[in-house]
């Protein structure tokens, strides 16, 4: 797996230069999860986001009965875990590998280093996160409207 290629395809790093993506790739840490293995749990404190390099991951939330419900299935080059980096709150959902899954982990410390080297690039990363969050919110609004 070429970390640079994975990150370059991700919406997280759209519009960034090759040198900016290269720094992020150098700092990222590959992690492998078996099918069914939990990446993080709803309620955990989060200090990293993850870009899917290979496989699929499920985003799940507990309903009122305490059952885990699948909200979405993610695949390369999707990313997840960004909300805790932005708001420093607990994880809002559980993410587990649906299939064997390889992700690239980028921590808050990695992004602080990135910001020191590439202020404009960091701004683009934040804008890209905002775009994806806006898209997810719009999709959620449509789903809720259908239920009403």
N, C-alpha and C. Protein backbone atom coordinates (compact mmCIF):
# COMPACT_ATOMS: atom_id res chain seq x y z
N UNK A 1 0.85 -1.18 0.00
CA UNK A 1 0.00 0.00 0.00
C UNK A 1 0.90 1.24 0.00
N UNK A 2 0.64 2.12 -0.92
CA UNK A 2 1.37 3.38 -1.00
C UNK A 2 0.55 4.44 -0.28
N UNK A 3 1.02 4.88 0.87
CA UNK A 3 0.25 5.83 1.69
C UNK A 3 -0.04 7.12 0.93
N UNK A 4 0.91 7.61 0.17
CA UNK A 4 0.71 8.84 -0.60
C UNK A 4 -0.48 8.70 -1.53
N UNK A 5 -0.57 7.58 -2.27
CA UNK A 5 -1.66 7.37 -3.22
C UNK A 5 -3.01 7.31 -2.52
N UNK A 6 -3.05 6.64 -1.36
CA UNK A 6 -4.30 6.54 -0.60
C UNK A 6 -4.78 7.93 -0.20
N UNK A 7 -3.89 8.72 0.37
CA UNK A 7 -4.28 10.05 0.85
C UNK A 7 -4.61 10.99 -0.30
N UNK A 8 -3.89 10.88 -1.39
CA UNK A 8 -4.15 11.75 -2.53
C UNK A 8 -5.55 11.54 -3.10
N UNK A 9 -6.08 10.32 -3.00
CA UNK A 9 -7.43 10.01 -3.50
C UNK A 9 -8.52 10.42 -2.52
N UNK A 10 -8.16 10.66 -1.28
CA UNK A 10 -9.16 10.96 -0.25
C UNK A 10 -9.70 12.38 -0.40
N UNK A 11 -11.01 12.56 -0.20
CA UNK A 11 -11.58 13.91 -0.23
C UNK A 11 -10.96 14.82 0.85
N UNK A 12 -10.37 14.22 1.87
CA UNK A 12 -9.73 14.98 2.93
C UNK A 12 -8.58 15.84 2.41
N UNK A 13 -7.89 15.36 1.37
CA UNK A 13 -6.70 16.04 0.87
C UNK A 13 -6.89 16.62 -0.53
N UNK A 14 -8.14 16.78 -0.96
CA UNK A 14 -8.40 17.43 -2.25
C UNK A 14 -7.77 18.81 -2.26
N UNK A 15 -7.27 19.19 -3.39
CA UNK A 15 -6.68 20.52 -3.67
C UNK A 15 -5.33 20.75 -3.00
N UNK A 16 -4.76 19.77 -2.31
CA UNK A 16 -3.46 19.95 -1.68
C UNK A 16 -2.34 19.60 -2.66
N UNK A 17 -1.19 20.20 -2.45
CA UNK A 17 -0.02 19.94 -3.30
C UNK A 17 0.58 18.58 -2.96
N UNK A 18 1.40 18.08 -3.86
CA UNK A 18 2.06 16.79 -3.64
C UNK A 18 2.92 16.83 -2.38
N UNK A 19 3.60 17.93 -2.12
CA UNK A 19 4.46 18.01 -0.93
C UNK A 19 3.62 18.00 0.35
N UNK A 20 2.44 18.61 0.31
CA UNK A 20 1.55 18.59 1.48
C UNK A 20 1.04 17.18 1.75
N UNK A 21 0.61 16.51 0.70
CA UNK A 21 0.12 15.13 0.85
C UNK A 21 1.25 14.22 1.31
N UNK A 22 2.45 14.44 0.81
CA UNK A 22 3.61 13.63 1.18
C UNK A 22 3.90 13.74 2.68
N UNK A 23 3.82 14.95 3.23
CA UNK A 23 4.04 15.11 4.67
C UNK A 23 2.98 14.34 5.46
N UNK A 24 1.72 14.47 5.05
CA UNK A 24 0.65 13.74 5.74
C UNK A 24 0.88 12.24 5.64
N UNK A 25 1.28 11.77 4.48
CA UNK A 25 1.55 10.34 4.29
C UNK A 25 2.68 9.87 5.19
N UNK A 26 3.73 10.67 5.28
CA UNK A 26 4.87 10.30 6.13
C UNK A 26 4.46 10.20 7.60
N UNK A 27 3.55 11.05 8.03
CA UNK A 27 3.12 11.05 9.44
C UNK A 27 2.07 9.98 9.74
N UNK A 28 1.35 9.53 8.73
CA UNK A 28 0.24 8.59 8.96
C UNK A 28 0.77 7.23 9.39
N UNK A 29 -0.07 6.53 10.15
CA UNK A 29 0.30 5.20 10.65
C UNK A 29 -0.72 4.18 10.16
N UNK A 30 -0.27 3.19 9.38
CA UNK A 30 -1.20 2.15 8.93
C UNK A 30 -1.66 1.28 10.10
N UNK A 31 -2.95 0.96 10.10
CA UNK A 31 -3.52 0.05 11.10
C UNK A 31 -4.42 -0.94 10.39
N UNK A 32 -4.35 -2.18 10.80
CA UNK A 32 -5.12 -3.25 10.17
C UNK A 32 -6.15 -3.78 11.18
N UNK A 33 -7.38 -3.96 10.70
CA UNK A 33 -8.46 -4.48 11.54
C UNK A 33 -9.09 -5.68 10.85
N UNK A 34 -9.34 -6.73 11.61
CA UNK A 34 -10.03 -7.90 11.10
C UNK A 34 -11.52 -7.59 10.96
N UNK A 35 -12.20 -8.32 10.10
CA UNK A 35 -13.65 -8.15 9.96
C UNK A 35 -14.31 -8.31 11.32
N UNK A 36 -15.16 -7.33 11.67
CA UNK A 36 -15.86 -7.35 12.95
C UNK A 36 -15.12 -6.66 14.08
N UNK A 37 -13.85 -6.32 13.87
CA UNK A 37 -13.07 -5.66 14.92
C UNK A 37 -13.46 -4.18 15.01
N UNK A 38 -13.56 -3.68 16.23
CA UNK A 38 -13.96 -2.29 16.46
C UNK A 38 -12.74 -1.37 16.37
N UNK A 39 -12.89 -0.31 15.59
CA UNK A 39 -11.85 0.72 15.48
C UNK A 39 -11.95 1.65 16.68
N UNK A 40 -13.15 2.12 16.97
CA UNK A 40 -13.42 2.87 18.19
C UNK A 40 -14.90 2.76 18.52
N UNK A 41 -15.22 3.02 19.80
CA UNK A 41 -16.59 2.89 20.31
C UNK A 41 -17.23 4.27 20.50
N UNK A 42 -18.53 4.30 20.30
CA UNK A 42 -19.31 5.49 20.62
C UNK A 42 -19.04 5.83 22.08
N UNK A 43 -18.72 7.10 22.36
CA UNK A 43 -18.43 7.53 23.72
C UNK A 43 -16.94 7.60 24.04
N UNK A 44 -16.09 6.97 23.23
CA UNK A 44 -14.64 7.06 23.44
C UNK A 44 -14.17 8.49 23.19
N UNK A 45 -13.08 8.87 23.82
CA UNK A 45 -12.43 10.12 23.48
C UNK A 45 -11.61 9.89 22.22
N UNK A 46 -11.59 10.88 21.34
CA UNK A 46 -10.90 10.69 20.07
C UNK A 46 -9.76 11.67 19.88
N UNK A 47 -8.64 11.16 19.42
CA UNK A 47 -7.48 12.00 19.14
C UNK A 47 -6.94 11.75 17.73
N UNK A 48 -7.75 11.08 16.89
CA UNK A 48 -7.26 10.76 15.55
C UNK A 48 -8.43 10.60 14.59
N UNK A 49 -8.11 10.76 13.31
CA UNK A 49 -9.05 10.39 12.26
C UNK A 49 -8.39 9.31 11.42
N UNK A 50 -9.20 8.65 10.59
CA UNK A 50 -8.75 7.49 9.84
C UNK A 50 -9.20 7.61 8.39
N UNK A 51 -8.29 7.29 7.48
CA UNK A 51 -8.61 7.25 6.05
C UNK A 51 -8.56 5.78 5.65
N UNK A 52 -9.63 5.31 5.01
CA UNK A 52 -9.69 3.90 4.62
C UNK A 52 -8.81 3.68 3.39
N UNK A 53 -7.87 2.76 3.53
CA UNK A 53 -6.97 2.40 2.43
C UNK A 53 -7.48 1.16 1.70
N UNK A 54 -8.07 0.23 2.45
CA UNK A 54 -8.55 -1.02 1.85
C UNK A 54 -9.64 -1.59 2.74
N UNK A 55 -10.64 -2.20 2.13
CA UNK A 55 -11.72 -2.84 2.88
C UNK A 55 -12.88 -1.88 3.13
N UNK A 56 -13.78 -2.32 4.01
CA UNK A 56 -14.96 -1.53 4.34
C UNK A 56 -15.12 -1.43 5.85
N UNK A 57 -15.69 -0.31 6.29
CA UNK A 57 -15.97 -0.10 7.70
C UNK A 57 -17.42 0.35 7.85
N UNK A 58 -18.03 -0.04 8.96
CA UNK A 58 -19.42 0.34 9.24
C UNK A 58 -19.44 1.39 10.35
N UNK A 59 -20.31 2.38 10.16
CA UNK A 59 -20.56 3.38 11.20
C UNK A 59 -21.86 2.97 11.87
N UNK A 60 -21.82 2.81 13.19
CA UNK A 60 -22.98 2.32 13.94
C UNK A 60 -23.30 3.23 15.12
N UNK A 61 -24.57 3.30 15.46
CA UNK A 61 -25.02 4.02 16.66
C UNK A 61 -26.01 3.15 17.41
N UNK A 62 -26.06 3.35 18.71
CA UNK A 62 -27.03 2.62 19.53
C UNK A 62 -28.39 3.32 19.45
N UNK A 63 -29.44 2.52 19.29
CA UNK A 63 -30.78 3.09 19.31
C UNK A 63 -31.28 3.15 20.75
N UNK A 64 -32.54 3.52 20.93
CA UNK A 64 -33.10 3.66 22.29
C UNK A 64 -33.12 2.34 23.05
N UNK A 65 -33.14 1.22 22.32
CA UNK A 65 -33.13 -0.11 22.94
C UNK A 65 -31.72 -0.61 23.21
N UNK A 66 -30.71 0.19 22.86
CA UNK A 66 -29.32 -0.20 23.09
C UNK A 66 -28.72 -1.05 21.99
N UNK A 67 -29.48 -1.28 20.92
CA UNK A 67 -28.97 -2.08 19.81
C UNK A 67 -28.14 -1.22 18.88
N UNK A 68 -27.04 -1.81 18.37
CA UNK A 68 -26.23 -1.10 17.38
C UNK A 68 -26.92 -1.16 16.03
N UNK A 69 -27.07 -0.02 15.38
CA UNK A 69 -27.68 0.07 14.06
C UNK A 69 -26.68 0.65 13.08
N UNK A 70 -26.57 0.04 11.91
CA UNK A 70 -25.64 0.53 10.89
C UNK A 70 -26.21 1.79 10.26
N UNK A 71 -25.42 2.86 10.32
CA UNK A 71 -25.82 4.13 9.70
C UNK A 71 -25.28 4.25 8.28
N UNK A 72 -24.07 3.73 8.09
CA UNK A 72 -23.41 3.90 6.80
C UNK A 72 -22.27 2.90 6.69
N UNK A 73 -21.96 2.53 5.46
CA UNK A 73 -20.78 1.71 5.18
C UNK A 73 -19.81 2.58 4.40
N UNK A 74 -18.56 2.60 4.87
CA UNK A 74 -17.52 3.41 4.25
C UNK A 74 -16.52 2.51 3.54
N UNK A 75 -15.90 3.07 2.49
CA UNK A 75 -14.90 2.33 1.72
C UNK A 75 -13.84 3.33 1.24
N UNK A 76 -12.74 2.84 0.69
CA UNK A 76 -11.72 3.77 0.21
C UNK A 76 -12.31 4.71 -0.83
N UNK A 77 -11.99 5.96 -0.79
CA UNK A 77 -11.03 6.69 0.05
C UNK A 77 -11.69 7.50 1.16
N UNK A 78 -12.82 6.97 1.71
CA UNK A 78 -13.55 7.69 2.76
C UNK A 78 -12.69 7.86 4.01
N UNK A 79 -13.07 8.82 4.85
CA UNK A 79 -12.41 9.01 6.14
C UNK A 79 -13.47 9.12 7.22
N UNK A 80 -13.05 8.88 8.46
CA UNK A 80 -13.97 8.95 9.60
C UNK A 80 -13.18 9.33 10.86
N UNK A 81 -13.90 9.77 11.88
CA UNK A 81 -13.29 10.13 13.15
C UNK A 81 -12.92 11.60 13.25
N UNK A 82 -13.27 12.37 12.22
CA UNK A 82 -12.86 13.77 12.17
C UNK A 82 -13.59 14.65 13.19
N UNK A 83 -14.79 14.27 13.58
CA UNK A 83 -15.57 15.14 14.47
C UNK A 83 -14.88 15.35 15.81
N UNK A 84 -14.28 14.31 16.36
CA UNK A 84 -13.60 14.44 17.65
C UNK A 84 -12.37 15.32 17.57
N UNK A 85 -11.75 15.39 16.39
CA UNK A 85 -10.62 16.30 16.23
C UNK A 85 -11.09 17.75 16.22
N UNK A 86 -12.28 17.97 15.69
CA UNK A 86 -12.82 19.32 15.58
C UNK A 86 -13.38 19.81 16.91
N UNK A 87 -14.24 18.99 17.53
CA UNK A 87 -14.95 19.49 18.71
C UNK A 87 -14.44 18.95 20.05
N UNK A 88 -13.45 18.06 20.02
CA UNK A 88 -12.85 17.50 21.24
C UNK A 88 -13.87 16.77 22.12
N UNK A 89 -14.98 16.37 21.54
CA UNK A 89 -16.02 15.65 22.28
C UNK A 89 -15.84 14.15 22.09
N UNK A 90 -16.66 13.40 22.80
CA UNK A 90 -16.62 11.93 22.68
C UNK A 90 -17.05 11.51 21.28
N UNK A 91 -16.62 10.33 20.89
CA UNK A 91 -17.01 9.78 19.59
C UNK A 91 -18.53 9.66 19.54
N UNK A 92 -19.13 10.08 18.43
CA UNK A 92 -20.58 10.09 18.30
C UNK A 92 -21.12 8.77 17.76
N UNK A 93 -20.23 7.88 17.34
CA UNK A 93 -20.64 6.60 16.77
C UNK A 93 -19.54 5.58 17.00
N UNK A 94 -19.90 4.33 16.80
CA UNK A 94 -18.93 3.23 16.80
C UNK A 94 -18.55 2.97 15.35
N UNK A 95 -17.30 2.65 15.10
CA UNK A 95 -16.86 2.24 13.77
C UNK A 95 -16.19 0.88 13.91
N UNK A 96 -16.62 -0.06 13.08
CA UNK A 96 -15.99 -1.39 13.09
C UNK A 96 -15.75 -1.82 11.65
N UNK A 97 -14.75 -2.66 11.49
CA UNK A 97 -14.41 -3.18 10.17
C UNK A 97 -15.52 -4.13 9.72
N UNK A 98 -16.05 -3.90 8.55
CA UNK A 98 -17.06 -4.80 7.96
C UNK A 98 -16.35 -5.97 7.30
N UNK A 99 -15.23 -5.66 6.66
CA UNK A 99 -14.34 -6.66 6.06
C UNK A 99 -12.97 -6.42 6.66
N UNK A 100 -11.99 -7.24 6.31
CA UNK A 100 -10.64 -6.89 6.72
C UNK A 100 -10.37 -5.48 6.18
N UNK A 101 -9.83 -4.65 7.02
CA UNK A 101 -9.76 -3.22 6.70
C UNK A 101 -8.38 -2.67 7.08
N UNK A 102 -7.83 -1.88 6.20
CA UNK A 102 -6.59 -1.16 6.48
C UNK A 102 -6.90 0.33 6.43
N UNK A 103 -6.51 1.04 7.47
CA UNK A 103 -6.73 2.47 7.55
C UNK A 103 -5.40 3.17 7.81
N UNK A 104 -5.36 4.44 7.46
CA UNK A 104 -4.23 5.29 7.82
C UNK A 104 -4.69 6.23 8.93
N UNK A 105 -4.01 6.19 10.05
CA UNK A 105 -4.38 7.00 11.21
C UNK A 105 -3.56 8.29 11.20
N UNK A 106 -4.26 9.40 11.38
CA UNK A 106 -3.63 10.71 11.54
C UNK A 106 -4.14 11.32 12.84
N UNK A 107 -3.21 11.65 13.73
CA UNK A 107 -3.57 12.14 15.05
C UNK A 107 -3.66 13.66 15.09
N UNK A 108 -4.20 14.17 16.18
CA UNK A 108 -4.25 15.61 16.39
C UNK A 108 -2.84 16.19 16.37
N UNK A 109 -1.88 15.48 16.94
CA UNK A 109 -0.48 15.94 16.93
C UNK A 109 0.05 16.01 15.50
N UNK A 110 -0.32 15.03 14.67
CA UNK A 110 0.08 15.06 13.25
C UNK A 110 -0.45 16.32 12.57
N UNK A 111 -1.70 16.64 12.83
CA UNK A 111 -2.30 17.82 12.20
C UNK A 111 -1.68 19.12 12.73
N UNK A 112 -1.27 19.13 13.99
CA UNK A 112 -0.57 20.31 14.53
C UNK A 112 0.76 20.51 13.80
N UNK A 113 1.47 19.42 13.56
CA UNK A 113 2.72 19.49 12.81
C UNK A 113 2.46 19.95 11.38
N UNK A 114 1.43 19.39 10.78
CA UNK A 114 1.07 19.76 9.41
C UNK A 114 0.77 21.26 9.33
N UNK A 115 0.03 21.77 10.31
CA UNK A 115 -0.33 23.20 10.34
C UNK A 115 0.92 24.08 10.41
N UNK A 116 1.92 23.65 11.17
CA UNK A 116 3.17 24.44 11.29
C UNK A 116 3.90 24.54 9.95
N UNK A 117 3.84 23.46 9.16
CA UNK A 117 4.55 23.44 7.88
C UNK A 117 3.75 24.04 6.73
N UNK A 118 2.43 23.82 6.76
CA UNK A 118 1.57 24.22 5.62
C UNK A 118 0.29 24.85 6.14
N UNK A 119 0.35 26.12 6.48
CA UNK A 119 -0.84 26.79 7.01
C UNK A 119 -1.99 26.80 6.00
N UNK A 120 -1.68 27.13 4.74
CA UNK A 120 -2.74 27.15 3.72
C UNK A 120 -3.28 25.74 3.49
N UNK A 121 -2.40 24.77 3.44
CA UNK A 121 -2.84 23.38 3.26
C UNK A 121 -3.72 22.93 4.40
N UNK A 122 -3.38 23.33 5.61
CA UNK A 122 -4.20 22.99 6.77
C UNK A 122 -5.60 23.58 6.63
N UNK A 123 -5.66 24.83 6.16
CA UNK A 123 -6.96 25.47 5.93
C UNK A 123 -7.79 24.67 4.93
N UNK A 124 -7.16 24.18 3.86
CA UNK A 124 -7.87 23.37 2.87
C UNK A 124 -8.36 22.06 3.48
N UNK A 125 -7.57 21.45 4.35
CA UNK A 125 -8.00 20.21 5.01
C UNK A 125 -9.26 20.49 5.84
N UNK A 126 -9.25 21.57 6.60
CA UNK A 126 -10.42 21.92 7.42
C UNK A 126 -11.64 22.19 6.52
N UNK A 127 -11.43 22.88 5.40
CA UNK A 127 -12.53 23.12 4.46
C UNK A 127 -13.06 21.80 3.89
N UNK A 128 -12.16 20.88 3.60
CA UNK A 128 -12.57 19.58 3.07
C UNK A 128 -13.37 18.79 4.10
N UNK A 129 -12.96 18.87 5.36
CA UNK A 129 -13.74 18.23 6.43
C UNK A 129 -15.13 18.86 6.49
N UNK A 130 -15.18 20.18 6.42
CA UNK A 130 -16.47 20.88 6.47
C UNK A 130 -17.36 20.46 5.31
N UNK A 131 -16.79 20.32 4.11
CA UNK A 131 -17.59 19.88 2.95
C UNK A 131 -18.19 18.50 3.17
N UNK A 132 -17.37 17.58 3.68
CA UNK A 132 -17.86 16.22 3.91
C UNK A 132 -18.91 16.21 5.01
N UNK A 133 -18.67 16.95 6.09
CA UNK A 133 -19.67 17.02 7.16
C UNK A 133 -20.98 17.62 6.66
N UNK A 134 -20.89 18.64 5.82
CA UNK A 134 -22.10 19.25 5.25
C UNK A 134 -22.85 18.25 4.39
N UNK A 135 -22.14 17.49 3.59
CA UNK A 135 -22.76 16.48 2.75
C UNK A 135 -23.45 15.41 3.60
N UNK A 136 -22.77 14.97 4.65
CA UNK A 136 -23.37 13.96 5.54
C UNK A 136 -24.61 14.51 6.23
N UNK A 137 -24.57 15.78 6.63
CA UNK A 137 -25.74 16.39 7.27
C UNK A 137 -26.91 16.49 6.30
N UNK A 138 -26.64 16.85 5.05
CA UNK A 138 -27.70 16.91 4.05
C UNK A 138 -28.33 15.53 3.84
N UNK A 139 -27.49 14.49 3.78
CA UNK A 139 -28.01 13.12 3.62
C UNK A 139 -28.86 12.73 4.82
N UNK A 140 -28.43 13.10 6.01
CA UNK A 140 -29.20 12.82 7.22
C UNK A 140 -30.53 13.54 7.19
N UNK A 141 -30.53 14.79 6.75
CA UNK A 141 -31.78 15.56 6.64
C UNK A 141 -32.76 14.87 5.71
N UNK A 142 -32.28 14.36 4.58
CA UNK A 142 -33.15 13.66 3.64
C UNK A 142 -33.72 12.41 4.29
N UNK A 143 -32.88 11.63 4.99
CA UNK A 143 -33.35 10.42 5.66
C UNK A 143 -34.41 10.74 6.72
N UNK A 144 -34.18 11.80 7.48
CA UNK A 144 -35.15 12.19 8.50
C UNK A 144 -36.45 12.66 7.89
N UNK A 145 -36.37 13.39 6.80
CA UNK A 145 -37.57 13.89 6.13
C UNK A 145 -38.42 12.73 5.62
N UNK A 146 -37.79 11.69 5.11
CA UNK A 146 -38.52 10.52 4.63
C UNK A 146 -39.27 9.85 5.76
N UNK A 147 -38.68 9.86 6.96
CA UNK A 147 -39.31 9.22 8.13
C UNK A 147 -40.49 10.02 8.68
N UNK A 148 -40.52 11.33 8.42
CA UNK A 148 -41.58 12.17 9.02
C UNK A 148 -42.88 12.02 8.34
